[in-house]
């Protein structure tokens, strides 16, 4: 399963995403695609949608069962620590930032 959360999606890109995904809320796309199709769709979106910000959560064979990717200018940061995906809004101490 793949979940895309987009911001400021152009109508042409939104229409293209609806071919493979269901849009339960505006700019939230959910679907089950194989890895190759998912990668090709995301390549197209990244190449043709300037200024778009994406949060991509997809199934992955790890202990949590998913991975997180971001593209564009995210408002939060994610990192993988000891095999677990963590999402941070802000860091209290600058020296402890993993990125």
N, C-alpha and C. Protein backbone atom coordinates (compact mmCIF):
# COMPACT_ATOMS: atom_id res chain seq x y z
N UNK A 1 0.84 -1.17 0.00
CA UNK A 1 0.00 0.00 0.00
C UNK A 1 0.89 1.24 0.00
N UNK A 2 0.43 2.25 -0.66
CA UNK A 2 1.13 3.52 -0.73
C UNK A 2 0.16 4.64 -0.40
N UNK A 3 0.62 5.58 0.42
CA UNK A 3 -0.16 6.77 0.75
C UNK A 3 0.67 7.99 0.36
N UNK A 4 0.11 8.87 -0.44
CA UNK A 4 0.75 10.13 -0.83
C UNK A 4 -0.04 11.28 -0.22
N UNK A 5 0.66 12.17 0.43
CA UNK A 5 0.04 13.40 0.92
C UNK A 5 0.76 14.53 0.20
N UNK A 6 0.03 15.25 -0.61
CA UNK A 6 0.63 16.29 -1.45
C UNK A 6 0.11 17.66 -1.03
N UNK A 7 0.85 18.68 -1.43
CA UNK A 7 0.39 20.06 -1.20
C UNK A 7 0.45 20.81 -2.51
N UNK A 8 -0.57 21.60 -2.76
CA UNK A 8 -0.64 22.41 -3.98
C UNK A 8 -0.50 21.57 -5.24
N UNK A 9 -1.31 20.52 -5.35
CA UNK A 9 -1.23 19.63 -6.50
C UNK A 9 -1.92 20.27 -7.71
N UNK A 10 -1.20 20.42 -8.84
CA UNK A 10 -1.83 20.94 -10.05
C UNK A 10 -2.92 19.98 -10.54
N UNK A 11 -3.96 20.50 -11.18
CA UNK A 11 -5.07 19.63 -11.64
C UNK A 11 -4.62 18.48 -12.55
N UNK A 12 -3.66 18.72 -13.44
CA UNK A 12 -3.21 17.65 -14.34
C UNK A 12 -2.53 16.52 -13.57
N UNK A 13 -1.72 16.85 -12.58
CA UNK A 13 -1.04 15.84 -11.77
C UNK A 13 -2.07 15.11 -10.90
N UNK A 14 -3.01 15.85 -10.35
CA UNK A 14 -4.05 15.25 -9.51
C UNK A 14 -4.88 14.25 -10.31
N UNK A 15 -5.23 14.61 -11.52
CA UNK A 15 -5.97 13.71 -12.39
C UNK A 15 -5.17 12.46 -12.75
N UNK A 16 -3.87 12.64 -13.00
CA UNK A 16 -3.03 11.49 -13.32
C UNK A 16 -2.91 10.55 -12.13
N UNK A 17 -2.78 11.09 -10.91
CA UNK A 17 -2.67 10.26 -9.72
C UNK A 17 -3.95 9.47 -9.47
N UNK A 18 -5.10 10.02 -9.88
CA UNK A 18 -6.37 9.33 -9.67
C UNK A 18 -6.50 8.08 -10.55
N UNK A 19 -5.62 7.89 -11.51
CA UNK A 19 -5.63 6.66 -12.30
C UNK A 19 -5.25 5.46 -11.45
N UNK A 20 -4.34 5.67 -10.51
CA UNK A 20 -3.82 4.56 -9.70
C UNK A 20 -4.22 4.63 -8.24
N UNK A 21 -4.66 5.78 -7.79
CA UNK A 21 -4.95 5.99 -6.37
C UNK A 21 -6.39 6.44 -6.18
N UNK A 22 -6.90 6.19 -4.98
CA UNK A 22 -8.18 6.75 -4.54
C UNK A 22 -7.85 8.01 -3.77
N UNK A 23 -8.67 9.04 -3.90
CA UNK A 23 -8.43 10.30 -3.20
C UNK A 23 -9.52 10.49 -2.13
N UNK A 24 -9.32 9.91 -0.91
CA UNK A 24 -10.36 10.03 0.11
C UNK A 24 -10.53 11.44 0.66
N UNK A 25 -9.50 12.24 0.63
CA UNK A 25 -9.54 13.66 1.00
C UNK A 25 -8.74 14.42 -0.04
N UNK A 26 -8.93 15.70 -0.10
CA UNK A 26 -8.18 16.51 -1.07
C UNK A 26 -6.68 16.36 -0.85
N UNK A 27 -5.96 16.02 -1.90
CA UNK A 27 -4.50 15.88 -1.91
C UNK A 27 -3.97 14.74 -1.05
N UNK A 28 -4.81 13.77 -0.72
CA UNK A 28 -4.38 12.54 -0.04
C UNK A 28 -4.75 11.39 -0.97
N UNK A 29 -3.74 10.62 -1.39
CA UNK A 29 -3.94 9.55 -2.36
C UNK A 29 -3.52 8.23 -1.74
N UNK A 30 -4.37 7.21 -1.87
CA UNK A 30 -4.12 5.89 -1.28
C UNK A 30 -4.30 4.83 -2.37
N UNK A 31 -3.34 3.91 -2.47
CA UNK A 31 -3.45 2.86 -3.45
C UNK A 31 -2.48 1.72 -3.21
N UNK A 32 -2.75 0.62 -3.88
CA UNK A 32 -1.86 -0.54 -3.82
C UNK A 32 -1.26 -0.72 -5.20
N UNK A 33 0.03 -0.42 -5.31
CA UNK A 33 0.75 -0.52 -6.57
C UNK A 33 1.98 -1.38 -6.37
N UNK A 34 2.45 -2.00 -7.44
CA UNK A 34 3.73 -2.68 -7.30
C UNK A 34 4.84 -1.62 -7.29
N UNK A 35 6.01 -2.03 -6.86
CA UNK A 35 7.12 -1.08 -6.68
C UNK A 35 7.48 -0.34 -7.97
N UNK A 36 7.52 -1.06 -9.08
CA UNK A 36 7.92 -0.43 -10.34
C UNK A 36 6.92 0.65 -10.77
N UNK A 37 5.64 0.35 -10.69
CA UNK A 37 4.62 1.32 -11.06
C UNK A 37 4.67 2.53 -10.13
N UNK A 38 4.80 2.28 -8.83
CA UNK A 38 4.90 3.38 -7.86
C UNK A 38 6.08 4.28 -8.17
N UNK A 39 7.24 3.69 -8.44
CA UNK A 39 8.43 4.49 -8.74
C UNK A 39 8.26 5.30 -10.02
N UNK A 40 7.65 4.71 -11.04
CA UNK A 40 7.42 5.44 -12.30
C UNK A 40 6.44 6.60 -12.10
N UNK A 41 5.38 6.38 -11.34
CA UNK A 41 4.41 7.45 -11.06
C UNK A 41 5.08 8.59 -10.30
N UNK A 42 5.86 8.24 -9.28
CA UNK A 42 6.53 9.28 -8.49
C UNK A 42 7.58 10.03 -9.30
N UNK A 43 8.29 9.34 -10.19
CA UNK A 43 9.24 10.01 -11.08
C UNK A 43 8.53 11.05 -11.93
N UNK A 44 7.39 10.67 -12.50
CA UNK A 44 6.62 11.58 -13.34
C UNK A 44 6.16 12.80 -12.54
N UNK A 45 5.62 12.56 -11.35
CA UNK A 45 5.13 13.66 -10.53
C UNK A 45 6.27 14.60 -10.16
N UNK A 46 7.39 14.07 -9.73
CA UNK A 46 8.52 14.91 -9.34
C UNK A 46 9.07 15.71 -10.51
N UNK A 47 9.04 15.12 -11.69
CA UNK A 47 9.57 15.80 -12.88
C UNK A 47 8.64 16.90 -13.39
N UNK A 48 7.34 16.74 -13.19
CA UNK A 48 6.37 17.65 -13.81
C UNK A 48 5.61 18.56 -12.86
N UNK A 49 5.91 18.52 -11.59
CA UNK A 49 5.16 19.35 -10.64
C UNK A 49 6.13 20.17 -9.80
N UNK A 50 6.54 21.30 -10.34
CA UNK A 50 7.45 22.19 -9.61
C UNK A 50 6.71 22.80 -8.42
N UNK A 51 7.39 22.89 -7.29
CA UNK A 51 6.81 23.50 -6.11
C UNK A 51 5.93 22.57 -5.29
N UNK A 52 5.78 21.33 -5.73
CA UNK A 52 4.95 20.37 -5.03
C UNK A 52 5.74 19.75 -3.88
N UNK A 53 5.09 19.55 -2.76
CA UNK A 53 5.69 18.88 -1.61
C UNK A 53 4.94 17.57 -1.39
N UNK A 54 5.69 16.45 -1.25
CA UNK A 54 5.08 15.14 -1.10
C UNK A 54 5.54 14.45 0.17
N UNK A 55 4.64 13.78 0.83
CA UNK A 55 4.94 12.83 1.89
C UNK A 55 4.50 11.48 1.34
N UNK A 56 5.42 10.53 1.29
CA UNK A 56 5.15 9.22 0.70
C UNK A 56 5.37 8.16 1.77
N UNK A 57 4.33 7.42 2.08
CA UNK A 57 4.43 6.31 3.02
C UNK A 57 4.09 5.06 2.25
N UNK A 58 5.03 4.11 2.21
CA UNK A 58 4.80 2.90 1.42
C UNK A 58 5.20 1.66 2.20
N UNK A 59 4.56 0.55 1.85
CA UNK A 59 4.85 -0.73 2.49
C UNK A 59 6.29 -1.12 2.24
N UNK A 60 6.91 -1.68 3.24
CA UNK A 60 8.31 -2.08 3.16
C UNK A 60 8.52 -3.26 4.12
N UNK A 61 9.31 -4.25 3.73
CA UNK A 61 9.52 -5.39 4.62
C UNK A 61 10.52 -5.08 5.74
N UNK A 62 10.12 -4.28 6.71
CA UNK A 62 10.95 -3.99 7.88
C UNK A 62 10.10 -4.18 9.13
N UNK A 63 10.64 -3.90 10.30
CA UNK A 63 9.90 -4.18 11.53
C UNK A 63 8.63 -3.33 11.67
N UNK A 64 8.61 -2.12 11.11
CA UNK A 64 7.40 -1.30 11.19
C UNK A 64 6.43 -1.59 10.04
N UNK A 65 6.93 -2.17 8.96
CA UNK A 65 6.08 -2.50 7.83
C UNK A 65 5.90 -1.38 6.82
N UNK A 66 6.61 -0.25 7.00
CA UNK A 66 6.51 0.87 6.06
C UNK A 66 7.79 1.67 6.06
N UNK A 67 7.91 2.53 5.04
CA UNK A 67 9.00 3.51 5.00
C UNK A 67 8.40 4.86 4.67
N UNK A 68 9.11 5.90 5.06
CA UNK A 68 8.66 7.27 4.85
C UNK A 68 9.65 7.97 3.94
N UNK A 69 9.14 8.67 2.93
CA UNK A 69 9.96 9.49 2.06
C UNK A 69 9.32 10.87 1.98
N UNK A 70 10.13 11.85 1.76
CA UNK A 70 9.61 13.21 1.54
C UNK A 70 10.29 13.78 0.31
N UNK A 71 9.55 14.62 -0.36
CA UNK A 71 10.10 15.31 -1.53
C UNK A 71 9.57 16.73 -1.50
N UNK A 72 10.42 17.68 -1.82
CA UNK A 72 10.03 19.08 -1.79
C UNK A 72 10.47 19.72 -0.49
N UNK A 73 9.69 20.67 -0.02
CA UNK A 73 10.00 21.40 1.21
C UNK A 73 9.09 20.92 2.35
N UNK A 74 9.52 19.90 3.10
CA UNK A 74 8.66 19.40 4.17
C UNK A 74 8.68 20.31 5.39
N UNK A 75 7.60 20.29 6.16
CA UNK A 75 7.55 21.08 7.39
C UNK A 75 8.03 20.26 8.59
N UNK A 76 8.18 18.96 8.41
CA UNK A 76 8.70 18.08 9.45
C UNK A 76 9.83 17.26 8.88
N UNK A 77 10.64 16.69 9.74
CA UNK A 77 11.77 15.86 9.30
C UNK A 77 11.56 14.43 9.76
N UNK A 78 11.94 13.49 8.91
CA UNK A 78 11.90 12.09 9.32
C UNK A 78 13.30 11.51 9.23
N UNK A 79 13.54 10.52 10.04
CA UNK A 79 14.84 9.87 10.05
C UNK A 79 14.65 8.42 10.48
N UNK A 80 15.57 7.59 10.05
CA UNK A 80 15.53 6.19 10.44
C UNK A 80 16.62 5.96 11.49
N UNK A 81 16.23 5.49 12.65
CA UNK A 81 17.18 5.22 13.73
C UNK A 81 16.97 3.79 14.22
N UNK A 82 18.01 3.01 14.14
CA UNK A 82 17.95 1.61 14.59
C UNK A 82 16.82 0.84 13.93
N UNK A 83 16.55 1.15 12.66
CA UNK A 83 15.52 0.44 11.92
C UNK A 83 14.11 0.96 12.11
N UNK A 84 13.93 2.02 12.90
CA UNK A 84 12.61 2.60 13.12
C UNK A 84 12.53 3.98 12.50
N UNK A 85 11.40 4.28 11.85
CA UNK A 85 11.18 5.60 11.28
C UNK A 85 10.61 6.52 12.34
N UNK A 86 11.23 7.67 12.51
CA UNK A 86 10.79 8.67 13.47
C UNK A 86 10.52 9.97 12.74
N UNK A 87 9.55 10.74 13.20
CA UNK A 87 9.21 12.03 12.61
C UNK A 87 9.35 13.09 13.69
N UNK A 88 10.08 14.16 13.37
CA UNK A 88 10.31 15.22 14.35
C UNK A 88 9.77 16.54 13.82
N UNK A 89 9.11 17.27 14.67
CA UNK A 89 8.66 18.61 14.32
C UNK A 89 9.79 19.61 14.51
N UNK A 90 10.55 19.44 15.60
CA UNK A 90 11.71 20.29 15.85
C UNK A 90 12.61 19.58 16.85
N UNK A 91 13.85 19.99 16.88
CA UNK A 91 14.82 19.40 17.79
C UNK A 91 15.13 20.40 18.89
N UNK A 92 15.18 19.93 20.12
CA UNK A 92 15.45 20.79 21.26
C UNK A 92 16.90 21.23 21.26
N UNK A 93 17.81 20.27 21.04
CA UNK A 93 19.24 20.57 21.05
C UNK A 93 19.81 20.37 19.66
N UNK A 94 20.45 21.39 19.13
CA UNK A 94 20.96 21.35 17.76
C UNK A 94 22.00 20.25 17.58
N UNK A 95 22.81 19.97 18.58
CA UNK A 95 23.87 18.97 18.42
C UNK A 95 23.33 17.53 18.33
N UNK A 96 22.07 17.32 18.69
CA UNK A 96 21.48 15.98 18.64
C UNK A 96 20.74 15.72 17.33
N UNK A 97 20.75 16.64 16.40
CA UNK A 97 20.04 16.46 15.14
C UNK A 97 20.72 15.38 14.32
N UNK A 98 19.96 14.39 13.82
CA UNK A 98 20.56 13.32 13.01
C UNK A 98 20.79 13.71 11.56
N UNK A 99 20.37 14.89 11.12
CA UNK A 99 20.54 15.30 9.71
C UNK A 99 21.16 16.65 9.62
